[in-house]
Protein backbone atom coordinates (compact mmCIF):
# COMPACT_ATOMS: atom_id res chain seq x y z
CA UNK A 1 18.62 -42.11 -65.69
CA UNK A 2 20.38 -39.57 -63.46
CA UNK A 3 20.47 -35.85 -63.88
CA UNK A 4 23.11 -34.69 -66.36
CA UNK A 5 23.78 -31.00 -66.74
CA UNK A 6 25.00 -29.89 -70.14
CA UNK A 7 27.86 -27.41 -70.36
CA UNK A 8 26.66 -23.82 -70.34
CA UNK A 9 27.81 -20.96 -72.46
CA UNK A 10 29.30 -18.19 -70.32
CA UNK A 11 28.04 -14.79 -71.47
CA UNK A 12 30.96 -12.83 -70.05
CA UNK A 13 34.14 -13.56 -68.13
CA UNK A 14 33.96 -13.73 -64.32
CA UNK A 15 36.34 -10.86 -63.68
CA UNK A 16 36.17 -7.61 -61.77
CA UNK A 17 32.74 -6.37 -62.91
CA UNK A 18 33.87 -2.73 -62.89
CA UNK A 19 36.72 -3.45 -65.31
CA UNK A 20 36.23 -2.31 -68.88
CA UNK A 21 35.96 -4.72 -71.77
CA UNK A 22 34.33 -7.52 -69.74
CA UNK A 23 30.85 -7.10 -71.15
CA UNK A 24 29.71 -6.48 -67.58
CA UNK A 25 29.91 -2.71 -67.40
CA UNK A 26 27.43 -0.67 -65.38
CA UNK A 27 24.91 1.32 -67.36
CA UNK A 28 26.52 4.40 -68.93
CA UNK A 29 25.54 7.93 -67.94
CA UNK A 30 24.26 10.41 -70.49
CA UNK A 31 26.76 12.55 -72.40
CA UNK A 32 28.12 15.41 -70.32
CA UNK A 33 27.86 13.43 -67.08
CA UNK A 34 24.12 14.02 -66.70
CA UNK A 35 21.39 11.52 -65.90
CA UNK A 36 20.05 9.14 -68.49
CA UNK A 37 16.70 10.69 -69.48
CA UNK A 38 13.43 8.78 -69.34
CA UNK A 39 11.65 6.37 -67.00
CA UNK A 40 14.56 3.89 -66.90
CA UNK A 41 17.00 6.38 -65.33
CA UNK A 42 16.26 5.65 -61.66
CA UNK A 43 16.22 1.92 -62.35
CA UNK A 44 19.89 2.11 -63.33
CA UNK A 45 21.22 3.30 -59.95
CA UNK A 46 23.45 0.87 -58.04
CA UNK A 47 21.70 -1.55 -55.70
CA UNK A 48 22.55 -1.41 -52.00
CA UNK A 49 24.28 -4.23 -50.13
CA UNK A 50 21.10 -4.62 -48.01
CA UNK A 51 18.99 -5.11 -51.12
CA UNK A 52 21.41 -7.67 -52.57
CA UNK A 53 21.34 -9.61 -49.30
CA UNK A 54 17.55 -9.45 -49.08
CA UNK A 55 17.07 -10.81 -52.61
CA UNK A 56 19.60 -13.58 -52.01
CA UNK A 57 17.77 -14.48 -48.79
CA UNK A 58 14.81 -15.88 -50.67
CA UNK A 59 16.71 -19.05 -51.51
CA UNK A 60 17.25 -19.76 -47.80
CA UNK A 61 14.06 -21.75 -47.13
CA UNK A 62 12.06 -19.05 -45.35
CA UNK A 63 8.57 -19.74 -44.02
CA UNK A 64 5.62 -17.96 -45.67
CA UNK A 65 5.41 -15.14 -43.12
CA UNK A 66 9.15 -14.37 -43.30
CA UNK A 67 9.05 -14.51 -47.11
CA UNK A 68 6.11 -12.04 -47.14
CA UNK A 69 7.95 -9.61 -44.81
CA UNK A 70 11.09 -9.82 -46.93
CA UNK A 71 9.12 -9.25 -50.16
CA UNK A 72 7.39 -6.23 -48.58
CA UNK A 73 10.75 -4.78 -47.50
CA UNK A 74 12.21 -5.28 -50.99
CA UNK A 75 9.18 -3.69 -52.67
CA UNK A 76 9.29 -0.70 -50.26
CA UNK A 77 13.03 -0.30 -50.88
CA UNK A 78 12.51 -0.21 -54.65
CA UNK A 79 9.67 2.28 -54.38
CA UNK A 80 11.81 4.67 -52.31
CA UNK A 81 15.20 4.19 -54.01
CA UNK A 82 14.44 3.03 -57.57
CA UNK A 83 10.88 4.10 -58.51
CA UNK A 84 8.98 1.28 -60.14
CA UNK A 85 9.58 -2.06 -58.44
CA UNK A 86 10.12 -5.08 -60.67
CA UNK A 87 7.41 -7.74 -60.75
CA UNK A 88 10.06 -10.18 -59.64
CA UNK A 89 13.55 -11.57 -59.96
CA UNK A 90 15.24 -14.50 -61.63
CA UNK A 91 18.35 -15.89 -59.94
CA UNK A 92 20.55 -18.97 -59.92
CA UNK A 93 19.24 -21.57 -57.53
CA UNK A 94 21.58 -22.87 -54.85
CA UNK A 95 19.52 -25.93 -53.92
CA UNK A 96 21.52 -28.06 -56.35
CA UNK A 97 20.41 -30.52 -59.04
CA UNK A 98 18.00 -30.74 -60.61
CA UNK A 99 17.30 -27.02 -59.99
CA UNK A 100 19.25 -24.35 -61.82
CA UNK A 101 17.28 -21.14 -61.27
CA UNK A 102 14.33 -19.73 -59.40
CA UNK A 103 11.78 -16.97 -59.78
CA UNK A 104 10.81 -14.68 -56.96
CA UNK A 105 7.42 -13.10 -57.62
CA UNK A 106 7.39 -9.99 -55.41
CA UNK A 107 3.63 -9.61 -55.38
CA UNK A 108 2.85 -13.16 -54.36
CA UNK A 109 6.11 -13.58 -52.42
CA UNK A 110 6.38 -16.93 -54.18
CA UNK A 111 9.65 -18.65 -54.97
CA UNK A 112 9.43 -21.26 -57.71
CA UNK A 113 12.44 -23.42 -58.56
CA UNK A 114 13.07 -24.60 -62.13
CA UNK A 115 15.05 -27.39 -63.75
CA UNK A 116 16.89 -26.93 -67.06
CA UNK A 117 14.00 -28.55 -68.94
CA UNK A 118 11.28 -26.34 -67.43
CA UNK A 119 9.88 -23.43 -69.38
CA UNK A 120 9.74 -20.22 -67.37
CA UNK A 121 6.50 -18.25 -67.43
CA UNK A 122 6.24 -14.77 -68.97
CA UNK A 123 7.79 -12.32 -68.35
CA UNK A 124 10.72 -14.29 -66.83
CA UNK A 125 11.73 -16.41 -69.84
CA UNK A 126 13.70 -13.58 -71.45
CA UNK A 127 15.97 -13.33 -68.41
CA UNK A 128 16.98 -16.98 -68.20
CA UNK A 129 20.15 -16.85 -70.29
CA UNK A 130 21.27 -13.70 -68.49
CA UNK A 131 21.03 -15.29 -65.05
CA UNK A 132 23.37 -18.08 -66.13
CA UNK A 133 26.22 -15.56 -66.16
CA UNK A 134 28.08 -16.05 -62.86
CA UNK A 135 28.79 -12.31 -62.66
CA UNK A 136 25.13 -11.51 -62.10
CA UNK A 137 23.61 -11.73 -58.62
CA UNK A 138 20.11 -11.73 -60.12
CA UNK A 139 18.06 -10.28 -62.95
CA UNK A 140 15.21 -7.86 -62.31
CA UNK A 141 12.11 -8.43 -64.43
CA UNK A 142 9.69 -5.54 -65.00
CA UNK A 143 6.08 -5.61 -66.20
CA UNK A 144 7.00 -3.52 -69.28
CA UNK A 145 9.37 -6.27 -70.50
CA UNK A 146 12.56 -4.61 -69.29
CA UNK A 147 15.12 -6.99 -67.74
CA UNK A 148 18.03 -5.54 -65.79
CA UNK A 149 20.92 -7.76 -64.71
CA UNK A 150 22.43 -6.78 -61.37
CA UNK A 151 26.08 -7.56 -60.75
CA UNK A 152 27.24 -9.11 -57.49
CA UNK A 153 28.60 -5.70 -56.43
CA UNK A 154 25.26 -3.97 -57.00
CA UNK A 155 25.89 -2.29 -60.38
CA UNK A 156 23.06 -2.53 -62.90
CA UNK A 157 23.95 -3.54 -66.44
CA UNK A 158 21.94 -2.16 -69.32
CA UNK A 159 21.17 -5.03 -71.72
CA UNK A 160 22.19 -4.59 -75.35
CA UNK A 161 19.42 -2.95 -77.33
CA UNK A 162 18.00 -1.02 -74.40
CA UNK A 163 17.77 2.69 -74.99
CA UNK A 164 17.36 5.53 -72.50
CA UNK A 165 13.59 5.65 -72.84
CA UNK A 166 12.77 2.02 -72.01
CA UNK A 167 13.10 -1.54 -73.17
CA UNK A 168 14.23 -2.40 -76.67
């Protein structure tokens, strides 16, 4: 029997991600235009074009040494720009069937590809439905359970139920 992909539910429309009412708005600032208080605040800053390109580069079939260098660069970038690097990322896989998504573990610089029937390991399972949204470039997964979707333009979206002090 061949691979048959079931229709997927789209979480939000694939429109301009900065438009209002799409369900894909960047994380809001605190009242009065100030920063969002708490440890999540710096995680909500926009992601740079270089970072977006680096994360997307992991699906390009890099050798182990190149993958390690790229993972080190990404981790260093997070530590300097967004204190508290994620443990990894979940993104749509572009290898084609039967794969639909892949996990990038930053600490092991390992990319693992998954089919629709595979169960993702913790802490990545909670991000799987988010990454199916075509508006998201990838989803950051943190050791404290926080998952932050990143839009293709670099804006970070605060998931419903997340408050200023941390994960829901």
